[in-house]
Amino acid sequence: MKESYFDGGLATYIGTSILTSLITILTLGICAPWGFCFLYNWKIKHTVINGKRLYFDGTAMQLFGHWIKWLLLTLITLGIYGFWLTIKLEQWRVKHTHTID
């Protein structure tokens, strides 16, 4: 069995997180998909599973349509759909995560 590890550093994580948060807050959540993709890409590109490095091919534009739909469903259902929002976001992230062969 090959080794699995994460090789990201604290400084770049903090910088990525701050930038993502600022963009999301300053745009009142409209650019949240960009922030999610930026953070996902950073985490995933620093992850190796069974000796294979992962990569993320999702884009903010791909996520944006889903994001608007999910936010509308959350508003229409008075927040109830919000419970599924995290699951939907994780499913989308995993769908766009692959190994480098």
N, C-alpha and C. Protein backbone atom coordinates (compact mmCIF):
# COMPACT_ATOMS: atom_id res chain seq x y z
N MET A 1 0.85 -1.18 0.00
CA MET A 1 0.00 0.00 0.00
C MET A 1 0.89 1.24 0.00
N LYS A 2 0.54 2.17 -0.85
CA LYS A 2 1.33 3.39 -0.95
C LYS A 2 0.88 4.40 0.10
N GLU A 3 1.72 5.39 0.29
CA GLU A 3 1.50 6.39 1.32
C GLU A 3 0.44 7.42 0.93
N SER A 4 -0.34 7.86 1.93
CA SER A 4 -1.29 8.96 1.76
C SER A 4 -0.87 10.08 2.69
N TYR A 5 -0.93 11.32 2.19
CA TYR A 5 -0.52 12.45 3.02
C TYR A 5 -1.08 13.75 2.47
N PHE A 6 -0.94 14.79 3.28
CA PHE A 6 -1.34 16.14 2.90
C PHE A 6 -0.11 17.01 3.06
N ASP A 7 0.28 17.77 2.02
CA ASP A 7 1.53 18.54 2.10
C ASP A 7 1.32 20.06 2.01
N GLY A 8 0.12 20.52 2.34
CA GLY A 8 -0.14 21.96 2.35
C GLY A 8 0.45 22.60 3.60
N GLY A 9 0.78 23.87 3.52
CA GLY A 9 1.37 24.59 4.64
C GLY A 9 0.38 25.55 5.29
N LEU A 10 0.66 25.90 6.54
CA LEU A 10 -0.21 26.77 7.30
C LEU A 10 -0.32 28.17 6.70
N ALA A 11 0.80 28.75 6.31
CA ALA A 11 0.79 30.12 5.79
C ALA A 11 -0.06 30.23 4.53
N THR A 12 0.09 29.30 3.61
CA THR A 12 -0.70 29.37 2.38
C THR A 12 -2.18 29.06 2.66
N TYR A 13 -2.45 28.21 3.63
CA TYR A 13 -3.84 27.93 4.00
C TYR A 13 -4.50 29.19 4.57
N ILE A 14 -3.80 29.87 5.47
CA ILE A 14 -4.35 31.09 6.06
C ILE A 14 -4.58 32.14 4.97
N GLY A 15 -3.61 32.34 4.10
CA GLY A 15 -3.76 33.30 3.01
C GLY A 15 -4.93 32.96 2.10
N THR A 16 -5.05 31.71 1.73
CA THR A 16 -6.14 31.25 0.87
C THR A 16 -7.49 31.46 1.56
N SER A 17 -7.56 31.12 2.84
CA SER A 17 -8.81 31.26 3.59
C SER A 17 -9.22 32.72 3.74
N ILE A 18 -8.26 33.58 4.04
CA ILE A 18 -8.57 35.02 4.19
C ILE A 18 -9.05 35.60 2.86
N LEU A 19 -8.35 35.30 1.78
CA LEU A 19 -8.74 35.80 0.47
C LEU A 19 -10.14 35.31 0.09
N THR A 20 -10.40 34.03 0.31
CA THR A 20 -11.71 33.45 0.02
C THR A 20 -12.81 34.13 0.83
N SER A 21 -12.55 34.34 2.10
CA SER A 21 -13.54 34.98 2.98
C SER A 21 -13.81 36.43 2.56
N LEU A 22 -12.75 37.16 2.26
CA LEU A 22 -12.91 38.55 1.85
C LEU A 22 -13.72 38.68 0.57
N ILE A 23 -13.41 37.87 -0.41
CA ILE A 23 -14.13 37.91 -1.69
C ILE A 23 -15.60 37.58 -1.46
N THR A 24 -15.88 36.56 -0.66
CA THR A 24 -17.26 36.16 -0.39
C THR A 24 -18.01 37.25 0.36
N ILE A 25 -17.41 37.82 1.37
CA ILE A 25 -18.06 38.85 2.19
C ILE A 25 -18.27 40.14 1.38
N LEU A 26 -17.23 40.57 0.68
CA LEU A 26 -17.32 41.83 -0.07
C LEU A 26 -18.32 41.78 -1.22
N THR A 27 -18.62 40.58 -1.71
CA THR A 27 -19.58 40.45 -2.81
C THR A 27 -20.93 39.94 -2.30
N LEU A 28 -21.11 39.96 -0.99
CA LEU A 28 -22.36 39.52 -0.35
C LEU A 28 -22.75 38.10 -0.76
N GLY A 29 -21.75 37.24 -0.94
CA GLY A 29 -21.98 35.83 -1.25
C GLY A 29 -22.11 35.51 -2.71
N ILE A 30 -22.20 36.51 -3.56
CA ILE A 30 -22.35 36.26 -5.00
C ILE A 30 -21.14 35.51 -5.56
N CYS A 31 -19.96 35.83 -5.08
CA CYS A 31 -18.74 35.16 -5.55
C CYS A 31 -18.32 33.99 -4.65
N ALA A 32 -19.22 33.52 -3.82
CA ALA A 32 -18.91 32.37 -2.97
C ALA A 32 -18.47 31.15 -3.78
N PRO A 33 -19.08 30.85 -4.95
CA PRO A 33 -18.60 29.71 -5.74
C PRO A 33 -17.11 29.84 -6.11
N TRP A 34 -16.68 31.07 -6.41
CA TRP A 34 -15.27 31.27 -6.71
C TRP A 34 -14.42 30.95 -5.48
N GLY A 35 -14.86 31.41 -4.33
CA GLY A 35 -14.14 31.14 -3.08
C GLY A 35 -14.07 29.66 -2.77
N PHE A 36 -15.21 28.97 -2.93
CA PHE A 36 -15.23 27.53 -2.68
C PHE A 36 -14.25 26.82 -3.61
N CYS A 37 -14.29 27.15 -4.89
CA CYS A 37 -13.39 26.50 -5.86
C CYS A 37 -11.93 26.80 -5.56
N PHE A 38 -11.64 28.02 -5.19
CA PHE A 38 -10.27 28.41 -4.85
C PHE A 38 -9.75 27.60 -3.66
N LEU A 39 -10.58 27.49 -2.62
CA LEU A 39 -10.18 26.73 -1.43
C LEU A 39 -10.13 25.23 -1.71
N TYR A 40 -11.12 24.70 -2.42
CA TYR A 40 -11.11 23.27 -2.77
C TYR A 40 -9.86 22.93 -3.58
N ASN A 41 -9.55 23.75 -4.56
CA ASN A 41 -8.38 23.50 -5.40
C ASN A 41 -7.11 23.45 -4.55
N TRP A 42 -6.98 24.38 -3.62
CA TRP A 42 -5.79 24.40 -2.77
C TRP A 42 -5.70 23.12 -1.93
N LYS A 43 -6.79 22.74 -1.28
CA LYS A 43 -6.79 21.55 -0.43
C LYS A 43 -6.51 20.29 -1.24
N ILE A 44 -7.20 20.16 -2.37
CA ILE A 44 -7.11 18.93 -3.15
C ILE A 44 -5.75 18.78 -3.82
N LYS A 45 -5.16 19.87 -4.31
CA LYS A 45 -3.86 19.73 -4.98
C LYS A 45 -2.73 19.40 -4.00
N HIS A 46 -2.97 19.56 -2.72
CA HIS A 46 -1.98 19.21 -1.70
C HIS A 46 -2.27 17.86 -1.05
N THR A 47 -3.16 17.07 -1.65
CA THR A 47 -3.54 15.78 -1.08
C THR A 47 -3.05 14.64 -1.97
N VAL A 48 -2.46 13.64 -1.34
CA VAL A 48 -2.01 12.43 -2.03
C VAL A 48 -2.68 11.24 -1.34
N ILE A 49 -3.36 10.39 -2.11
CA ILE A 49 -4.04 9.20 -1.59
C ILE A 49 -3.44 7.98 -2.28
N ASN A 50 -2.94 7.05 -1.48
CA ASN A 50 -2.32 5.83 -2.01
C ASN A 50 -1.27 6.14 -3.07
N GLY A 51 -0.48 7.17 -2.83
CA GLY A 51 0.61 7.54 -3.73
C GLY A 51 0.18 8.32 -4.95
N LYS A 52 -1.12 8.63 -5.08
CA LYS A 52 -1.60 9.37 -6.25
C LYS A 52 -2.08 10.76 -5.81
N ARG A 53 -1.51 11.76 -6.45
CA ARG A 53 -1.90 13.14 -6.15
C ARG A 53 -3.27 13.40 -6.76
N LEU A 54 -4.07 14.17 -6.03
CA LEU A 54 -5.40 14.53 -6.50
C LEU A 54 -5.36 15.87 -7.24
N TYR A 55 -6.34 16.09 -8.09
CA TYR A 55 -6.53 17.40 -8.70
C TYR A 55 -8.02 17.70 -8.79
N PHE A 56 -8.31 18.96 -8.86
CA PHE A 56 -9.69 19.44 -8.88
C PHE A 56 -9.93 20.17 -10.19
N ASP A 57 -11.00 19.79 -10.91
CA ASP A 57 -11.26 20.42 -12.20
C ASP A 57 -12.55 21.25 -12.22
N GLY A 58 -13.13 21.48 -11.06
CA GLY A 58 -14.34 22.30 -10.98
C GLY A 58 -14.01 23.78 -11.16
N THR A 59 -14.97 24.51 -11.73
CA THR A 59 -14.78 25.95 -11.89
C THR A 59 -15.94 26.70 -11.23
N ALA A 60 -15.69 27.94 -10.92
CA ALA A 60 -16.73 28.77 -10.29
C ALA A 60 -17.95 28.90 -11.20
N MET A 61 -17.73 28.99 -12.49
CA MET A 61 -18.85 29.13 -13.42
C MET A 61 -19.71 27.87 -13.43
N GLN A 62 -19.09 26.71 -13.31
CA GLN A 62 -19.85 25.46 -13.23
C GLN A 62 -20.69 25.44 -11.95
N LEU A 63 -20.11 25.91 -10.87
CA LEU A 63 -20.79 25.88 -9.57
C LEU A 63 -21.83 26.98 -9.44
N PHE A 64 -21.65 28.08 -10.15
CA PHE A 64 -22.51 29.25 -9.96
C PHE A 64 -23.99 28.94 -10.21
N GLY A 65 -24.30 28.24 -11.29
CA GLY A 65 -25.69 27.88 -11.59
C GLY A 65 -26.31 27.05 -10.48
N HIS A 66 -25.56 26.07 -9.99
CA HIS A 66 -26.04 25.24 -8.88
C HIS A 66 -26.25 26.11 -7.64
N TRP A 67 -25.29 27.00 -7.39
CA TRP A 67 -25.32 27.86 -6.21
C TRP A 67 -26.59 28.71 -6.18
N ILE A 68 -26.91 29.33 -7.30
CA ILE A 68 -28.12 30.15 -7.37
C ILE A 68 -29.36 29.29 -7.13
N LYS A 69 -29.42 28.13 -7.77
CA LYS A 69 -30.56 27.22 -7.61
C LYS A 69 -30.70 26.80 -6.14
N TRP A 70 -29.57 26.43 -5.52
CA TRP A 70 -29.61 25.98 -4.13
C TRP A 70 -30.03 27.11 -3.19
N LEU A 71 -29.55 28.33 -3.44
CA LEU A 71 -29.94 29.46 -2.60
C LEU A 71 -31.43 29.77 -2.75
N LEU A 72 -31.94 29.72 -3.96
CA LEU A 72 -33.37 29.94 -4.18
C LEU A 72 -34.21 28.87 -3.48
N LEU A 73 -33.79 27.61 -3.58
CA LEU A 73 -34.50 26.54 -2.89
C LEU A 73 -34.47 26.74 -1.37
N THR A 74 -33.35 27.22 -0.87
CA THR A 74 -33.24 27.48 0.57
C THR A 74 -34.20 28.60 0.97
N LEU A 75 -34.29 29.65 0.17
CA LEU A 75 -35.21 30.76 0.47
C LEU A 75 -36.67 30.32 0.37
N ILE A 76 -37.00 29.60 -0.68
CA ILE A 76 -38.38 29.15 -0.90
C ILE A 76 -38.85 28.24 0.22
N THR A 77 -37.96 27.38 0.71
CA THR A 77 -38.33 26.42 1.77
C THR A 77 -38.06 26.98 3.16
N LEU A 78 -37.86 28.28 3.24
CA LEU A 78 -37.61 28.96 4.53
C LEU A 78 -36.43 28.34 5.29
N GLY A 79 -35.40 27.99 4.54
CA GLY A 79 -34.17 27.49 5.15
C GLY A 79 -34.05 25.99 5.26
N ILE A 80 -35.13 25.27 5.03
CA ILE A 80 -35.10 23.81 5.19
C ILE A 80 -34.12 23.16 4.21
N TYR A 81 -34.10 23.65 2.96
CA TYR A 81 -33.18 23.07 1.97
C TYR A 81 -31.72 23.27 2.37
N GLY A 82 -31.46 24.22 3.23
CA GLY A 82 -30.10 24.48 3.70
C GLY A 82 -29.44 23.25 4.31
N PHE A 83 -30.26 22.35 4.87
CA PHE A 83 -29.71 21.11 5.43
C PHE A 83 -29.08 20.25 4.34
N TRP A 84 -29.63 20.31 3.13
CA TRP A 84 -29.10 19.53 2.01
C TRP A 84 -28.00 20.27 1.26
N LEU A 85 -27.89 21.54 1.48
CA LEU A 85 -26.92 22.36 0.75
C LEU A 85 -25.49 21.86 0.94
N THR A 86 -25.14 21.55 2.17
CA THR A 86 -23.79 21.04 2.45
C THR A 86 -23.53 19.73 1.71
N ILE A 87 -24.53 18.85 1.69
CA ILE A 87 -24.40 17.57 0.99
C ILE A 87 -24.25 17.79 -0.50
N LYS A 88 -25.06 18.67 -1.08
CA LYS A 88 -25.00 18.96 -2.51
C LYS A 88 -23.63 19.55 -2.89
N LEU A 89 -23.13 20.44 -2.05
CA LEU A 89 -21.83 21.05 -2.31
C LEU A 89 -20.72 20.00 -2.25
N GLU A 90 -20.80 19.09 -1.28
CA GLU A 90 -19.80 18.02 -1.16
C GLU A 90 -19.88 17.07 -2.35
N GLN A 91 -21.08 16.73 -2.78
CA GLN A 91 -21.24 15.86 -3.95
C GLN A 91 -20.63 16.51 -5.19
N TRP A 92 -20.84 17.81 -5.36
CA TRP A 92 -20.27 18.52 -6.49
C TRP A 92 -18.74 18.52 -6.41
N ARG A 93 -18.20 18.77 -5.22
CA ARG A 93 -16.75 18.79 -5.03
C ARG A 93 -16.13 17.44 -5.37
N VAL A 94 -16.73 16.37 -4.87
CA VAL A 94 -16.19 15.02 -5.11
C VAL A 94 -16.28 14.65 -6.59
N LYS A 95 -17.37 15.07 -7.25
CA LYS A 95 -17.53 14.79 -8.68
C LYS A 95 -16.39 15.42 -9.49
N HIS A 96 -15.83 16.50 -9.01
CA HIS A 96 -14.78 17.21 -9.73
C HIS A 96 -13.37 16.96 -9.16
N THR A 97 -13.24 15.92 -8.36
CA THR A 97 -11.94 15.56 -7.79
C THR A 97 -11.46 14.26 -8.43
N HIS A 98 -10.23 14.26 -8.91
CA HIS A 98 -9.69 13.12 -9.63
C HIS A 98 -8.25 12.85 -9.18
N THR A 99 -7.73 11.70 -9.61
CA THR A 99 -6.33 11.40 -9.35
C THR A 99 -5.52 11.62 -10.62
N ILE A 100 -4.27 12.03 -10.42
CA ILE A 100 -3.35 12.13 -11.54
C ILE A 100 -2.75 10.74 -11.73
N ASP A 101 -2.95 10.18 -12.90
CA ASP A 101 -2.46 8.81 -13.14
C ASP A 101 -1.01 8.77 -13.52
